[in-house]
N, C-alpha and C. Protein backbone atom coordinates (compact mmCIF):
# COMPACT_ATOMS: atom_id res chain seq x y z
N UNK A 1 0.84 -1.19 -0.01
CA UNK A 1 0.00 -0.01 0.01
C UNK A 1 0.90 1.26 -0.01
N UNK A 2 0.51 2.23 -0.74
CA UNK A 2 1.23 3.51 -0.80
C UNK A 2 0.63 4.41 0.29
N UNK A 3 1.47 4.92 1.19
CA UNK A 3 1.02 5.82 2.24
C UNK A 3 0.64 7.16 1.62
N UNK A 4 -0.42 7.73 2.15
CA UNK A 4 -0.87 9.02 1.61
C UNK A 4 -1.62 9.80 2.69
N UNK A 5 -1.90 11.03 2.40
CA UNK A 5 -2.65 11.89 3.32
C UNK A 5 -4.00 12.28 2.73
N UNK A 6 -4.45 11.56 1.72
CA UNK A 6 -5.73 11.84 1.10
C UNK A 6 -5.56 12.53 -0.24
N UNK A 7 -6.62 12.58 -0.95
CA UNK A 7 -6.63 13.24 -2.27
C UNK A 7 -6.55 14.74 -2.09
N UNK A 8 -5.48 15.32 -2.55
CA UNK A 8 -5.25 16.76 -2.38
C UNK A 8 -4.95 17.48 -3.66
N UNK A 9 -4.92 16.76 -4.82
CA UNK A 9 -4.56 17.39 -6.07
C UNK A 9 -5.46 16.85 -7.18
N UNK A 10 -5.89 17.72 -8.06
CA UNK A 10 -6.70 17.33 -9.21
C UNK A 10 -6.29 18.24 -10.36
N UNK A 11 -6.19 17.65 -11.56
CA UNK A 11 -5.88 18.45 -12.75
C UNK A 11 -7.04 18.29 -13.73
N UNK A 12 -7.43 19.43 -14.30
CA UNK A 12 -8.53 19.45 -15.27
C UNK A 12 -8.07 20.08 -16.55
N UNK A 13 -8.53 19.57 -17.69
CA UNK A 13 -8.37 20.22 -18.96
C UNK A 13 -9.56 21.20 -19.10
N UNK A 14 -9.27 22.43 -19.48
CA UNK A 14 -10.32 23.43 -19.67
C UNK A 14 -10.05 24.14 -20.98
N UNK A 15 -11.11 24.61 -21.62
CA UNK A 15 -10.93 25.31 -22.89
C UNK A 15 -10.32 26.72 -22.71
N UNK A 16 -10.68 27.37 -21.63
CA UNK A 16 -10.27 28.76 -21.38
C UNK A 16 -9.77 28.87 -19.95
N UNK A 17 -8.48 28.94 -19.76
CA UNK A 17 -7.91 29.00 -18.40
C UNK A 17 -8.37 30.23 -17.64
N UNK A 18 -8.40 31.41 -18.29
CA UNK A 18 -8.82 32.61 -17.61
C UNK A 18 -10.29 32.49 -17.12
N UNK A 19 -11.16 31.92 -17.94
CA UNK A 19 -12.55 31.73 -17.56
C UNK A 19 -12.65 30.76 -16.36
N UNK A 20 -11.87 29.68 -16.39
CA UNK A 20 -11.89 28.72 -15.32
C UNK A 20 -11.31 29.32 -14.04
N UNK A 21 -10.25 30.15 -14.15
CA UNK A 21 -9.70 30.86 -12.96
C UNK A 21 -10.78 31.73 -12.33
N UNK A 22 -11.51 32.48 -13.17
CA UNK A 22 -12.57 33.31 -12.63
C UNK A 22 -13.64 32.50 -11.92
N UNK A 23 -14.03 31.35 -12.51
CA UNK A 23 -15.07 30.51 -11.94
C UNK A 23 -14.63 29.96 -10.62
N UNK A 24 -13.49 29.32 -10.51
CA UNK A 24 -13.06 28.67 -9.27
C UNK A 24 -12.70 29.70 -8.19
N UNK A 25 -12.24 30.89 -8.60
CA UNK A 25 -12.02 32.00 -7.65
C UNK A 25 -13.31 32.56 -7.13
N UNK A 26 -14.25 32.86 -7.99
CA UNK A 26 -15.51 33.48 -7.64
C UNK A 26 -16.41 32.55 -6.84
N UNK A 27 -16.49 31.29 -7.31
CA UNK A 27 -17.45 30.36 -6.71
C UNK A 27 -16.90 29.68 -5.47
N UNK A 28 -15.60 29.33 -5.43
CA UNK A 28 -15.04 28.59 -4.31
C UNK A 28 -13.95 29.34 -3.56
N UNK A 29 -13.65 30.58 -3.96
CA UNK A 29 -12.66 31.36 -3.26
C UNK A 29 -11.24 30.88 -3.43
N UNK A 30 -10.97 30.06 -4.47
CA UNK A 30 -9.63 29.53 -4.67
C UNK A 30 -8.74 30.66 -5.17
N UNK A 31 -7.47 30.59 -4.80
CA UNK A 31 -6.50 31.59 -5.25
C UNK A 31 -5.38 30.95 -6.03
N UNK A 32 -4.79 31.71 -6.94
CA UNK A 32 -3.70 31.22 -7.75
C UNK A 32 -2.45 31.15 -6.91
N UNK A 33 -1.76 29.99 -6.98
CA UNK A 33 -0.47 29.87 -6.29
C UNK A 33 0.66 29.92 -7.30
N UNK A 34 0.37 29.59 -8.57
CA UNK A 34 1.38 29.67 -9.59
C UNK A 34 0.69 29.62 -10.95
N UNK A 35 1.10 30.51 -11.85
CA UNK A 35 0.60 30.48 -13.20
C UNK A 35 1.79 30.71 -14.13
N UNK A 36 2.43 29.61 -14.57
CA UNK A 36 3.63 29.73 -15.37
C UNK A 36 3.39 30.38 -16.75
N UNK A 37 2.15 30.26 -17.28
CA UNK A 37 1.82 30.84 -18.56
C UNK A 37 0.30 30.87 -18.71
N UNK A 38 -0.18 31.38 -19.82
CA UNK A 38 -1.62 31.53 -20.02
C UNK A 38 -2.34 30.21 -20.23
N UNK A 39 -1.59 29.12 -20.45
CA UNK A 39 -2.22 27.82 -20.67
C UNK A 39 -2.27 26.94 -19.41
N UNK A 40 -1.72 27.38 -18.32
CA UNK A 40 -1.68 26.57 -17.11
C UNK A 40 -1.78 27.45 -15.86
N UNK A 41 -2.53 26.95 -14.89
CA UNK A 41 -2.66 27.66 -13.61
C UNK A 41 -2.86 26.63 -12.49
N UNK A 42 -2.37 27.01 -11.29
CA UNK A 42 -2.48 26.13 -10.13
C UNK A 42 -3.12 26.91 -9.01
N UNK A 43 -4.20 26.42 -8.45
CA UNK A 43 -4.98 27.12 -7.48
C UNK A 43 -5.02 26.32 -6.17
N UNK A 44 -5.38 26.99 -5.07
CA UNK A 44 -5.56 26.34 -3.80
C UNK A 44 -6.66 27.02 -3.00
N UNK A 45 -7.27 26.25 -2.10
CA UNK A 45 -8.17 26.85 -1.12
C UNK A 45 -7.61 26.59 0.28
N UNK A 46 -6.37 26.17 0.33
CA UNK A 46 -5.70 25.93 1.63
C UNK A 46 -4.93 24.65 1.67
N UNK A 47 -5.61 23.54 1.71
CA UNK A 47 -4.93 22.25 1.84
C UNK A 47 -5.08 21.37 0.61
N UNK A 48 -5.20 22.02 -0.56
CA UNK A 48 -5.43 21.28 -1.80
C UNK A 48 -4.73 21.97 -2.96
N UNK A 49 -4.80 21.38 -4.15
CA UNK A 49 -4.19 21.97 -5.33
C UNK A 49 -5.02 21.55 -6.54
N UNK A 50 -5.49 22.53 -7.30
CA UNK A 50 -6.23 22.33 -8.53
C UNK A 50 -5.44 22.84 -9.67
N UNK A 51 -5.07 22.02 -10.61
CA UNK A 51 -4.36 22.41 -11.79
C UNK A 51 -5.33 22.60 -12.94
N UNK A 52 -5.21 23.70 -13.66
CA UNK A 52 -6.01 23.96 -14.83
C UNK A 52 -5.07 24.04 -16.02
N UNK A 53 -5.34 23.19 -17.04
CA UNK A 53 -4.49 23.12 -18.21
C UNK A 53 -5.36 23.32 -19.45
N UNK A 54 -4.90 24.24 -20.34
CA UNK A 54 -5.68 24.43 -21.57
C UNK A 54 -5.63 23.15 -22.40
N UNK A 55 -6.81 22.69 -22.78
CA UNK A 55 -6.88 21.48 -23.55
C UNK A 55 -8.32 21.18 -23.87
N UNK A 56 -8.56 20.12 -24.65
CA UNK A 56 -9.95 19.80 -24.97
C UNK A 56 -10.70 19.40 -23.72
N UNK A 57 -11.80 20.09 -23.43
CA UNK A 57 -12.59 19.84 -22.21
C UNK A 57 -13.41 18.56 -22.31
N UNK A 58 -13.65 18.05 -23.52
CA UNK A 58 -14.38 16.81 -23.64
C UNK A 58 -15.88 17.06 -23.80
N UNK A 59 -16.57 16.00 -24.07
CA UNK A 59 -18.00 16.01 -24.27
C UNK A 59 -18.70 16.21 -22.93
N UNK A 60 -19.53 17.23 -22.77
CA UNK A 60 -20.20 17.54 -21.51
C UNK A 60 -21.02 16.36 -20.99
N UNK A 61 -21.52 15.52 -21.90
CA UNK A 61 -22.38 14.42 -21.47
C UNK A 61 -21.61 13.14 -21.23
N UNK A 62 -20.30 13.12 -21.52
CA UNK A 62 -19.56 11.88 -21.42
C UNK A 62 -18.15 12.08 -20.88
N UNK A 63 -18.00 13.01 -19.88
CA UNK A 63 -16.65 13.21 -19.36
C UNK A 63 -16.15 11.96 -18.64
N UNK A 64 -14.83 11.76 -18.66
CA UNK A 64 -14.24 10.62 -17.98
C UNK A 64 -14.30 10.76 -16.49
N UNK A 65 -14.05 11.97 -16.01
CA UNK A 65 -14.14 12.23 -14.58
C UNK A 65 -15.62 12.35 -14.21
N UNK A 66 -16.08 11.54 -13.27
CA UNK A 66 -17.45 11.61 -12.87
C UNK A 66 -17.75 12.95 -12.23
N UNK A 67 -16.96 13.32 -11.21
CA UNK A 67 -17.08 14.63 -10.59
C UNK A 67 -15.92 14.85 -9.67
N UNK A 68 -15.73 16.13 -9.29
CA UNK A 68 -14.79 16.47 -8.24
C UNK A 68 -15.65 17.05 -7.11
N UNK A 69 -15.08 17.16 -5.93
CA UNK A 69 -15.89 17.63 -4.82
C UNK A 69 -15.19 18.59 -3.89
N UNK A 70 -15.99 19.48 -3.34
CA UNK A 70 -15.55 20.40 -2.28
C UNK A 70 -16.35 20.07 -1.07
N UNK A 71 -15.68 19.77 0.07
CA UNK A 71 -16.33 19.43 1.34
C UNK A 71 -16.56 20.71 2.13
N UNK A 72 -17.74 20.86 2.70
CA UNK A 72 -18.03 22.02 3.57
C UNK A 72 -18.10 21.55 5.00
N UNK A 73 -17.92 22.47 5.93
CA UNK A 73 -17.78 22.14 7.36
C UNK A 73 -19.12 21.89 8.04
N UNK A 74 -20.20 22.50 7.54
CA UNK A 74 -21.49 22.38 8.28
C UNK A 74 -22.65 22.44 7.28
N UNK A 75 -23.79 21.91 7.71
CA UNK A 75 -24.97 21.83 6.87
C UNK A 75 -25.45 23.24 6.50
N UNK A 76 -25.40 24.19 7.49
CA UNK A 76 -25.86 25.53 7.13
C UNK A 76 -24.99 26.18 6.06
N UNK A 77 -23.68 25.87 6.04
CA UNK A 77 -22.82 26.38 5.00
C UNK A 77 -23.19 25.82 3.64
N UNK A 78 -23.56 24.52 3.64
CA UNK A 78 -23.99 23.88 2.40
C UNK A 78 -25.27 24.56 1.87
N UNK A 79 -26.23 24.75 2.73
CA UNK A 79 -27.51 25.37 2.34
C UNK A 79 -27.30 26.81 1.86
N UNK A 80 -26.44 27.54 2.55
CA UNK A 80 -26.16 28.93 2.14
C UNK A 80 -25.50 28.93 0.76
N UNK A 81 -24.55 28.01 0.56
CA UNK A 81 -23.86 27.93 -0.74
C UNK A 81 -24.79 27.55 -1.87
N UNK A 82 -25.75 26.68 -1.58
CA UNK A 82 -26.75 26.30 -2.59
C UNK A 82 -27.62 27.53 -3.01
N UNK A 83 -28.05 28.24 -1.99
CA UNK A 83 -28.84 29.44 -2.28
C UNK A 83 -28.01 30.44 -3.10
N UNK A 84 -26.75 30.61 -2.79
CA UNK A 84 -25.87 31.51 -3.55
C UNK A 84 -25.69 31.02 -4.97
N UNK A 85 -25.53 29.71 -5.16
CA UNK A 85 -25.40 29.12 -6.51
C UNK A 85 -26.63 29.42 -7.33
N UNK A 86 -27.81 29.28 -6.75
CA UNK A 86 -29.06 29.57 -7.45
C UNK A 86 -29.17 31.05 -7.80
N UNK A 87 -28.87 31.91 -6.81
CA UNK A 87 -28.96 33.34 -7.05
C UNK A 87 -28.00 33.83 -8.11
N UNK A 88 -26.83 33.14 -8.22
CA UNK A 88 -25.81 33.53 -9.19
C UNK A 88 -25.92 32.75 -10.52
N UNK A 89 -27.02 32.04 -10.62
CA UNK A 89 -27.37 31.33 -11.84
C UNK A 89 -26.30 30.37 -12.33
N UNK A 90 -25.67 29.67 -11.36
CA UNK A 90 -24.74 28.60 -11.75
C UNK A 90 -25.57 27.46 -12.30
N UNK A 91 -24.95 26.68 -13.18
CA UNK A 91 -25.65 25.54 -13.75
C UNK A 91 -25.73 24.44 -12.66
N UNK A 92 -26.94 24.10 -12.24
CA UNK A 92 -27.17 23.05 -11.24
C UNK A 92 -27.30 21.74 -11.99
N UNK A 93 -26.38 20.82 -11.71
CA UNK A 93 -26.41 19.49 -12.30
C UNK A 93 -27.36 18.58 -11.56
N UNK A 94 -27.38 18.68 -10.21
CA UNK A 94 -28.32 17.95 -9.35
C UNK A 94 -28.63 18.84 -8.16
N UNK A 95 -29.87 19.00 -7.80
CA UNK A 95 -30.24 19.90 -6.71
C UNK A 95 -29.81 19.34 -5.34
N UNK A 96 -29.93 20.21 -4.37
CA UNK A 96 -29.65 19.87 -2.98
C UNK A 96 -30.49 18.71 -2.52
N UNK A 97 -29.85 17.73 -1.88
CA UNK A 97 -30.59 16.61 -1.31
C UNK A 97 -29.82 15.92 -0.23
N UNK A 98 -30.55 15.25 0.63
CA UNK A 98 -29.98 14.47 1.74
C UNK A 98 -29.81 13.03 1.27
N UNK A 99 -28.64 12.46 1.59
CA UNK A 99 -28.37 11.08 1.21
C UNK A 99 -28.59 10.13 2.36
N UNK A 100 -28.70 8.84 2.10
CA UNK A 100 -29.02 7.84 3.14
C UNK A 100 -27.96 7.78 4.24
N UNK A 101 -26.71 8.13 3.93
CA UNK A 101 -25.65 8.05 4.93
C UNK A 101 -25.57 9.28 5.84
N UNK A 102 -26.50 10.21 5.70
CA UNK A 102 -26.49 11.43 6.51
C UNK A 102 -25.79 12.59 5.87
N UNK A 103 -25.20 12.36 4.72
CA UNK A 103 -24.54 13.49 4.02
C UNK A 103 -25.58 14.26 3.22
N UNK A 104 -25.26 15.49 2.88
CA UNK A 104 -26.08 16.36 2.02
C UNK A 104 -25.17 16.90 0.95
N UNK A 105 -25.74 17.07 -0.25
CA UNK A 105 -24.92 17.65 -1.31
C UNK A 105 -25.79 18.23 -2.42
N UNK A 106 -25.13 18.98 -3.27
CA UNK A 106 -25.69 19.38 -4.56
C UNK A 106 -24.53 19.40 -5.54
N UNK A 107 -24.87 19.41 -6.82
CA UNK A 107 -23.86 19.36 -7.87
C UNK A 107 -24.06 20.53 -8.84
N UNK A 108 -22.96 21.17 -9.21
CA UNK A 108 -22.98 22.25 -10.19
C UNK A 108 -21.99 21.87 -11.31
N UNK A 109 -22.04 22.67 -12.40
CA UNK A 109 -21.09 22.48 -13.49
C UNK A 109 -20.23 23.73 -13.63
N UNK A 110 -18.95 23.51 -13.93
CA UNK A 110 -18.10 24.66 -14.24
C UNK A 110 -18.32 25.03 -15.71
N UNK A 111 -17.70 26.08 -16.21
CA UNK A 111 -17.93 26.53 -17.58
C UNK A 111 -17.59 25.46 -18.64
N UNK A 112 -16.73 24.49 -18.31
CA UNK A 112 -16.38 23.46 -19.29
C UNK A 112 -17.20 22.19 -19.12
N UNK A 113 -18.20 22.22 -18.23
CA UNK A 113 -19.09 21.08 -18.06
C UNK A 113 -18.65 20.11 -17.01
N UNK A 114 -17.50 20.34 -16.32
CA UNK A 114 -17.08 19.44 -15.25
C UNK A 114 -18.08 19.53 -14.11
N UNK A 115 -18.46 18.37 -13.59
CA UNK A 115 -19.43 18.29 -12.51
C UNK A 115 -18.72 18.43 -11.19
N UNK A 116 -19.22 19.29 -10.30
CA UNK A 116 -18.62 19.56 -8.99
C UNK A 116 -19.66 19.26 -7.93
N UNK A 117 -19.34 18.36 -7.03
CA UNK A 117 -20.21 18.10 -5.89
C UNK A 117 -19.79 19.00 -4.73
N UNK A 118 -20.76 19.69 -4.10
CA UNK A 118 -20.53 20.43 -2.90
C UNK A 118 -21.15 19.57 -1.80
N UNK A 119 -20.36 19.17 -0.83
CA UNK A 119 -20.76 18.06 0.05
C UNK A 119 -20.54 18.35 1.54
N UNK A 120 -21.55 18.04 2.33
CA UNK A 120 -21.39 17.91 3.77
C UNK A 120 -21.40 16.41 4.04
N UNK A 121 -20.31 15.89 4.59
CA UNK A 121 -20.18 14.46 4.84
C UNK A 121 -19.82 14.31 6.30
N UNK A 122 -20.71 13.74 7.13
CA UNK A 122 -20.55 13.74 8.60
C UNK A 122 -19.22 13.23 9.11
N UNK A 123 -18.58 12.26 8.43
CA UNK A 123 -17.35 11.72 8.94
C UNK A 123 -16.11 12.54 8.59
N UNK A 124 -16.19 13.39 7.53
CA UNK A 124 -15.01 14.16 7.21
C UNK A 124 -15.21 15.68 7.25
N UNK A 125 -16.43 16.17 7.19
CA UNK A 125 -16.65 17.60 7.24
C UNK A 125 -16.16 18.24 8.52
N UNK A 126 -16.27 17.60 9.69
CA UNK A 126 -15.77 18.25 10.93
C UNK A 126 -14.25 18.27 11.05
N UNK A 127 -13.53 17.51 10.21
CA UNK A 127 -12.08 17.46 10.31
C UNK A 127 -11.45 18.76 9.83
N UNK A 128 -10.32 19.11 10.36
CA UNK A 128 -9.64 20.31 9.88
C UNK A 128 -8.28 19.92 9.31
N UNK A 129 -7.80 20.75 8.44
CA UNK A 129 -6.48 20.54 7.84
C UNK A 129 -5.64 21.74 8.26
N UNK A 130 -4.57 21.50 8.97
CA UNK A 130 -3.76 22.56 9.54
C UNK A 130 -2.64 23.04 8.65
N UNK A 131 -2.75 22.81 7.38
CA UNK A 131 -1.75 23.30 6.43
C UNK A 131 -0.62 22.29 6.22
N UNK A 132 0.47 22.71 5.62
CA UNK A 132 1.54 21.82 5.29
C UNK A 132 2.13 21.14 6.52
N UNK A 133 2.32 19.86 6.41
CA UNK A 133 2.97 19.10 7.50
C UNK A 133 4.01 18.22 6.88
N UNK A 134 5.06 18.00 7.60
CA UNK A 134 6.10 17.11 7.11
C UNK A 134 5.70 15.65 7.21
N UNK A 135 6.00 14.92 6.17
CA UNK A 135 5.70 13.45 6.16
C UNK A 135 6.55 12.77 7.19
N UNK A 136 5.97 11.83 7.91
CA UNK A 136 6.71 11.04 8.88
C UNK A 136 7.47 9.94 8.19
N UNK A 137 8.66 9.71 8.59
CA UNK A 137 9.52 8.68 7.95
C UNK A 137 9.13 7.32 8.45
């Protein structure tokens, strides 16, 4: 088994890097940590890394990636975010709903059609990430 600290990096092909930067910054508050050129950008919201690379975004109805997800800390944050998504006319892929395991989520699409789940998940939402930590040997 390969030791790891969880999924912390995702790379997406997008048609327009500037448009994707605006979307992920405006909708999720992500900030650019490095943009080597107009075709590539790397963003973070703290304990993660999202790479955006100019490339074919793929067929909106048949993307290989099922979805990516952002975890929220509390149910009220999820509900507030859903209301904001509706008010800002984001494309809702699946509306807010409660799942059998006690989690709640909704799904939106970014400008390239990638599906994003916004999720409250009882076993991981309360956890905190304290920033960079050194790997134990």
